C-alpha atoms as a PDB file:
ATOM      1  CA  MET A   1     -72.089 127.072  37.169  1.00  0.00           C
ATOM      2  CA  LYS A   2     -68.387 128.763  37.050  1.00  0.00           C
ATOM      3  CA  LYS A   3     -70.171 131.702  39.426  1.00  0.00           C
ATOM      4  CA  ILE A   4     -71.570 129.579  41.963  1.00  0.00           C
ATOM      5  CA  ILE A   5     -68.478 127.453  42.490  1.00  0.00           C
ATOM      6  CA  ILE A   6     -66.455 130.083  42.478  1.00  0.00           C
ATOM      7  CA  SER A   7     -69.197 132.172  45.017  1.00  0.00           C
ATOM      8  CA  SER A   8     -69.263 128.701  47.668  1.00  0.00           C
ATOM      9  CA  LEU A   9     -65.211 128.542  47.660  1.00  0.00           C
ATOM     10  CA  LEU A  10     -64.979 132.873  48.748  1.00  0.00           C
ATOM     11  CA  CYS A  11     -68.419 132.581  51.253  1.00  0.00           C
ATOM     12  CA  SER A  12     -66.232 128.731  52.477  1.00  0.00           C
ATOM     13  CA  SER A  13     -62.549 130.995  52.960  1.00  0.00           C
ATOM     14  CA  MET A  14     -64.162 133.375  54.349  1.00  0.00           C
ATOM     15  CA  VAL A  15     -65.840 131.676  57.070  1.00  0.00           C
ATOM     16  CA  LEU A  16     -63.220 129.558  57.872  1.00  0.00           C
ATOM     17  CA  SER A  17     -60.406 133.017  57.786  1.00  0.00           C
ATOM     18  CA  SER A  18     -62.914 134.256  60.424  1.00  0.00           C
ATOM     19  CA  CYS A  19     -63.393 131.184  62.202  1.00  0.00           C
ATOM     20  CA  PHE A  20     -59.228 130.601  62.812  1.00  0.00           C
ATOM     21  CA  GLY A  21     -58.274 134.419  62.778  1.00  0.00           C
ATOM     22  CA  ALA A  22     -60.321 135.854  65.691  1.00  0.00           C
ATOM     23  CA  TYR A  23     -58.813 133.808  68.807  1.00  0.00           C
ATOM     24  CA  GLN A  24     -57.373 136.269  71.845  1.00  0.00           C
ATOM     25  CA  THR A  25     -54.469 134.887  74.343  1.00  0.00           C
ATOM     26  CA  VAL A  26     -55.879 135.139  77.698  1.00  0.00           C
ATOM     27  CA  TYR A  27     -53.437 136.236  80.406  1.00  0.00           C
ATOM     28  CA  PHE A  28     -53.004 138.246  83.425  1.00  0.00           C
ATOM     29  CA  THR A  29     -49.700 139.034  84.564  1.00  0.00           C
ATOM     30  CA  GLU A  30     -48.470 139.015  88.461  1.00  0.00           C
ATOM     31  CA  ALA A  31     -49.658 142.954  88.777  1.00  0.00           C
ATOM     32  CA  GLU A  32     -53.082 142.208  87.464  1.00  0.00           C
ATOM     33  CA  ALA A  33     -53.842 139.440  90.831  1.00  0.00           C
ATOM     34  CA  VAL A  34     -56.852 139.878  92.271  1.00  0.00           C
ATOM     35  CA  SER A  35     -56.130 140.739  95.948  1.00  0.00           C
ATOM     36  CA  ARG A  36     -58.805 141.409  99.015  1.00  0.00           C
ATOM     37  CA  VAL A  37     -57.818 141.972 102.479  1.00  0.00           C
ATOM     38  CA  ILE A  38     -61.063 140.398 104.574  1.00  0.00           C
ATOM     39  CA  ASP A  39     -60.170 141.455 108.304  1.00  0.00           C
ATOM     40  CA  ASN A  40     -62.270 142.061 111.525  1.00  0.00           C
ATOM     41  CA  LEU A  41     -63.210 138.800 111.731  1.00  0.00           C
ATOM     42  CA  GLY A  42     -63.587 138.053 115.220  1.00  0.00           C
ATOM     43  CA  ALA A  43     -61.339 134.866 115.058  1.00  0.00           C
ATOM     44  CA  SER A  44     -57.998 133.381 116.015  1.00  0.00           C
ATOM     45  CA  LYS A  45     -55.328 132.803 113.223  1.00  0.00           C
ATOM     46  CA  SER A  46     -55.558 129.076 114.397  1.00  0.00           C
ATOM     47  CA  GLU A  47     -59.452 128.992 113.714  1.00  0.00           C
ATOM     48  CA  LEU A  48     -59.458 131.392 110.299  1.00  0.00           C
ATOM     49  CA  PHE A  49     -56.529 128.889 109.218  1.00  0.00           C
ATOM     50  CA  ILE A  50     -58.704 126.076 110.028  1.00  0.00           C
ATOM     51  CA  ARG A  51     -61.664 127.664 107.813  1.00  0.00           C
ATOM     52  CA  ALA A  52     -59.784 128.998 105.529  1.00  0.00           C
ATOM     53  CA  ASN A  53     -58.354 124.888 104.764  1.00  0.00           C
ATOM     54  CA  ASP A  54     -62.079 123.779 105.263  1.00  0.00           C
ATOM     55  CA  TRP A  55     -62.945 126.331 102.383  1.00  0.00           C
ATOM     56  CA  MET A  56     -60.168 125.182  99.871  1.00  0.00           C
ATOM     57  CA  VAL A  57     -61.013 121.259 100.335  1.00  0.00           C
ATOM     58  CA  THR A  58     -64.904 122.020  99.819  1.00  0.00           C
ATOM     59  CA  ASN A  59     -64.253 123.984  96.607  1.00  0.00           C
ATOM     60  CA  PHE A  60     -61.472 122.188  95.501  1.00  0.00           C
ATOM     61  CA  ASN A  61     -64.131 119.551  94.141  1.00  0.00           C
ATOM     62  CA  ASP A  62     -61.680 118.801  90.527  1.00  0.00           C
ATOM     63  CA  ALA A  63     -59.406 115.797  91.513  1.00  0.00           C
ATOM     64  CA  SER A  64     -56.667 118.976  89.544  1.00  0.00           C
ATOM     65  CA  SER A  65     -57.254 121.560  91.794  1.00  0.00           C
ATOM     66  CA  VAL A  66     -54.759 120.745  94.996  1.00  0.00           C
ATOM     67  CA  ILE A  67     -53.977 122.122  98.198  1.00  0.00           C
ATOM     68  CA  GLU A  68     -49.908 122.695  97.517  1.00  0.00           C
ATOM     69  CA  PHE A  69     -49.149 123.936 100.681  1.00  0.00           C
ATOM     70  CA  SER A  70     -49.980 124.377 104.411  1.00  0.00           C
ATOM     71  CA  ASP A  71     -47.970 126.161 107.221  1.00  0.00           C
ATOM     72  CA  LYS A  72     -50.505 126.734 110.196  1.00  0.00           C
ATOM     73  CA  GLU A  73     -47.706 128.063 111.797  1.00  0.00           C
ATOM     74  CA  SER A  74     -46.673 130.337 109.559  1.00  0.00           C
ATOM     75  CA  GLY A  75     -50.612 131.247 107.894  1.00  0.00           C
ATOM     76  CA  THR A  76     -49.631 130.537 104.469  1.00  0.00           C
ATOM     77  CA  LEU A  77     -52.120 128.293 102.284  1.00  0.00           C
ATOM     78  CA  ILE A  78     -51.211 128.193  99.014  1.00  0.00           C
ATOM     79  CA  GLY A  79     -53.082 125.999  96.077  1.00  0.00           C
ATOM     80  CA  LYS A  80     -54.350 125.602  92.505  1.00  0.00           C
ATOM     81  CA  TYR A  81     -57.572 125.880  91.637  1.00  0.00           C
ATOM     82  CA  LYS A  82     -59.426 125.002  88.492  1.00  0.00           C
ATOM     83  CA  LEU A  83     -60.820 128.436  87.223  1.00  0.00           C
ATOM     84  CA  PHE A  84     -62.923 127.061  83.976  1.00  0.00           C
ATOM     85  CA  GLY A  85     -62.447 124.215  81.371  1.00  0.00           C
ATOM     86  CA  THR A  86     -62.367 120.968  80.502  1.00  0.00           C
ATOM     87  CA  VAL A  87     -60.685 118.177  77.818  1.00  0.00           C
ATOM     88  CA  LYS A  88     -62.902 117.440  75.107  1.00  0.00           C
ATOM     89  CA  SER A  89     -61.840 114.795  73.155  1.00  0.00           C
ATOM     90  CA  GLY A  90     -62.307 115.818  69.112  1.00  0.00           C
ATOM     91  CA  SER A  91     -62.485 113.306  65.813  1.00  0.00           C
ATOM     92  CA  TYR A  92     -59.482 111.706  64.919  1.00  0.00           C
ATOM     93  CA  GLY A  93     -58.442 110.887  68.342  1.00  0.00           C
ATOM     94  CA  THR A  94     -57.379 114.666  68.875  1.00  0.00           C
ATOM     95  CA  THR A  95     -58.352 116.496  72.145  1.00  0.00           C
ATOM     96  CA  VAL A  96     -58.774 120.147  72.905  1.00  0.00           C
ATOM     97  CA  ASP A  97     -57.757 121.404  77.065  1.00  0.00           C
ATOM     98  CA  THR A  98     -59.971 124.483  77.685  1.00  0.00           C
ATOM     99  CA  ARG A  99     -58.760 124.212  80.955  1.00  0.00           C
ATOM    100  CA  VAL A 100     -57.531 127.328  83.434  1.00  0.00           C
ATOM    101  CA  TYR A 101     -56.317 126.956  86.014  1.00  0.00           C
ATOM    102  CA  ALA A 102     -55.497 129.650  88.855  1.00  0.00           C
ATOM    103  CA  LYS A 103     -52.998 130.028  91.952  1.00  0.00           C
ATOM    104  CA  ILE A 104     -54.718 130.723  95.138  1.00  0.00           C
ATOM    105  CA  ASP A 105     -52.761 131.763  98.251  1.00  0.00           C
ATOM    106  CA  ILE A 106     -53.904 132.721 101.624  1.00  0.00           C
ATOM    107  CA  ARG A 107     -52.162 134.744 103.929  1.00  0.00           C
ATOM    108  CA  ILE A 108     -53.389 134.499 107.632  1.00  0.00           C
ATOM    109  CA  LYS A 109     -52.841 136.737 111.133  1.00  0.00           C
ATOM    110  CA  ASP A 110     -55.348 136.791 113.826  1.00  0.00           C
ATOM    111  CA  ASN A 111     -58.389 138.358 112.610  1.00  0.00           C
ATOM    112  CA  LYS A 112     -57.826 138.973 109.138  1.00  0.00           C
ATOM    113  CA  VAL A 113     -57.095 137.313 105.890  1.00  0.00           C
ATOM    114  CA  LYS A 114     -55.359 138.321 102.862  1.00  0.00           C
ATOM    115  CA  ALA A 115     -56.812 136.007  99.308  1.00  0.00           C
ATOM    116  CA  THR A 116     -54.560 137.123  96.507  1.00  0.00           C
ATOM    117  CA  ILE A 117     -56.012 134.712  93.326  1.00  0.00           C
ATOM    118  CA  LEU A 118     -53.997 135.114  89.980  1.00  0.00           C
ATOM    119  CA  PRO A 119     -54.810 133.119  86.160  1.00  0.00           C
ATOM    120  CA  LEU A 120     -51.899 130.792  85.402  1.00  0.00           C
ATOM    121  CA  GLY A 121     -50.466 130.268  81.444  1.00  0.00           C
ATOM    122  CA  ASP A 122     -52.569 132.163  79.064  1.00  0.00           C
ATOM    123  CA  TRP A 123     -55.456 130.592  77.085  1.00  0.00           C
ATOM    124  CA  GLN A 124     -57.273 130.974  74.135  1.00  0.00           C
ATOM    125  CA  TYR A 125     -60.583 133.319  73.640  1.00  0.00           C
ATOM    126  CA  ASP A 126     -63.392 133.548  70.673  1.00  0.00           C
ATOM    127  CA  SER A 127     -65.408 136.117  70.998  1.00  0.00           C
ATOM    128  CA  SER A 128     -67.527 134.596  68.854  1.00  0.00           C
ATOM    129  CA  GLY A 129     -69.257 132.932  70.491  1.00  0.00           C
ATOM    130  CA  PHE A 130     -68.483 129.559  67.529  1.00  0.00           C
ATOM    131  CA  THR A 131     -65.982 127.867  69.134  1.00  0.00           C
ATOM    132  CA  ILE A 132     -65.865 126.186  72.445  1.00  0.00           C
ATOM    133  CA  TYR A 133     -63.294 129.752  74.302  1.00  0.00           C
ATOM    134  CA  LYS A 134     -65.958 131.245  75.811  1.00  0.00           C
ATOM    135  CA  TYR A 135     -63.767 132.270  78.871  1.00  0.00           C
ATOM    136  CA  ASN A 136     -62.412 135.851  78.466  1.00  0.00           C
ATOM    137  CA  LYS A 137     -61.116 138.007  81.032  1.00  0.00           C
ATOM    138  CA  GLU A 138     -64.015 139.758  82.598  1.00  0.00           C
ATOM    139  CA  THR A 139     -65.416 136.552  82.667  1.00  0.00           C
ATOM    140  CA  ALA A 140     -62.015 135.326  85.251  1.00  0.00           C
ATOM    141  CA  ILE A 141     -62.656 137.523  86.954  1.00  0.00           C
ATOM    142  CA  ASN A 142     -65.727 138.140  87.174  1.00  0.00           C
ATOM    143  CA  ASP A 143     -65.435 134.187  89.074  1.00  0.00           C
ATOM    144  CA  ILE A 144     -62.030 135.184  91.196  1.00  0.00           C
ATOM    145  CA  ASN A 145     -63.922 137.867  92.696  1.00  0.00           C
ATOM    146  CA  LYS A 146     -67.229 134.982  93.402  1.00  0.00           C
ATOM    147  CA  LEU A 147     -64.383 132.693  94.704  1.00  0.00           C
ATOM    148  CA  ILE A 148     -63.047 135.356  97.382  1.00  0.00           C
ATOM    149  CA  ASP A 149     -66.558 136.460  98.335  1.00  0.00           C
ATOM    150  CA  SER A 150     -67.896 132.963  99.072  1.00  0.00           C
ATOM    151  CA  LEU A 151     -63.995 132.521 101.461  1.00  0.00           C
ATOM    152  CA  LYS A 152     -65.473 135.952 103.079  1.00  0.00           C
ATOM    153  CA  ILE A 153     -68.623 134.039 104.343  1.00  0.00           C
ATOM    154  CA  LYS A 154     -66.417 130.921 105.219  1.00  0.00           C
ATOM    155  CA  LEU A 155     -64.456 132.935 107.492  1.00  0.00           C
ATOM    156  CA  ASN A 156     -66.757 134.467 108.748  1.00  0.00           C
ATOM    157  CA  THR A 157     -69.373 131.408 110.121  1.00  0.00           C
ATOM    158  CA  VAL A 158     -68.767 129.561 113.572  1.00  0.00           C
ATOM    159  CA  GLU A 159     -68.184 126.457 113.470  1.00  0.00           C
ATOM    160  CA  ASP A 160     -70.475 125.114 116.421  1.00  0.00           C
ATOM    161  CA  ASP A 161     -68.299 123.072 119.132  1.00  0.00           C
ATOM    162  CA  PHE A 162     -69.336 119.963 119.963  1.00  0.00           C
END
């Protein structure tokens, strides 16, 4: 009986220590921001600004994703975008916030646009797959590239004048 209790305690402590010790902190430096220039768009600065602004409004479908600065004259759009995650309520009134935000900086000139996306702050990632911390750096980069791809599609879309 003693052996069963001792072995079950050892197994429990190993499982708990592996769950609590697997977290990695993920963060991006300014130098790691994903940046891409989209050129040969065949449109004026004003037209591209409207398309980029429309793209932000369409993609910022979460209340915490907002356009924070917009200046048509300089061709600048800056926003904060929820890249991933939620706030989950746990037992005993606890909450776990897995949200990851990114700064989206769009600079517009005639015929070209530069989009720079930088995840903000840091977050936890657990490679075990047993927790809610499932967002790693590679996935963030993939999501950012998909965002920029969707911006490129929008910028190349000619709007109908009525």
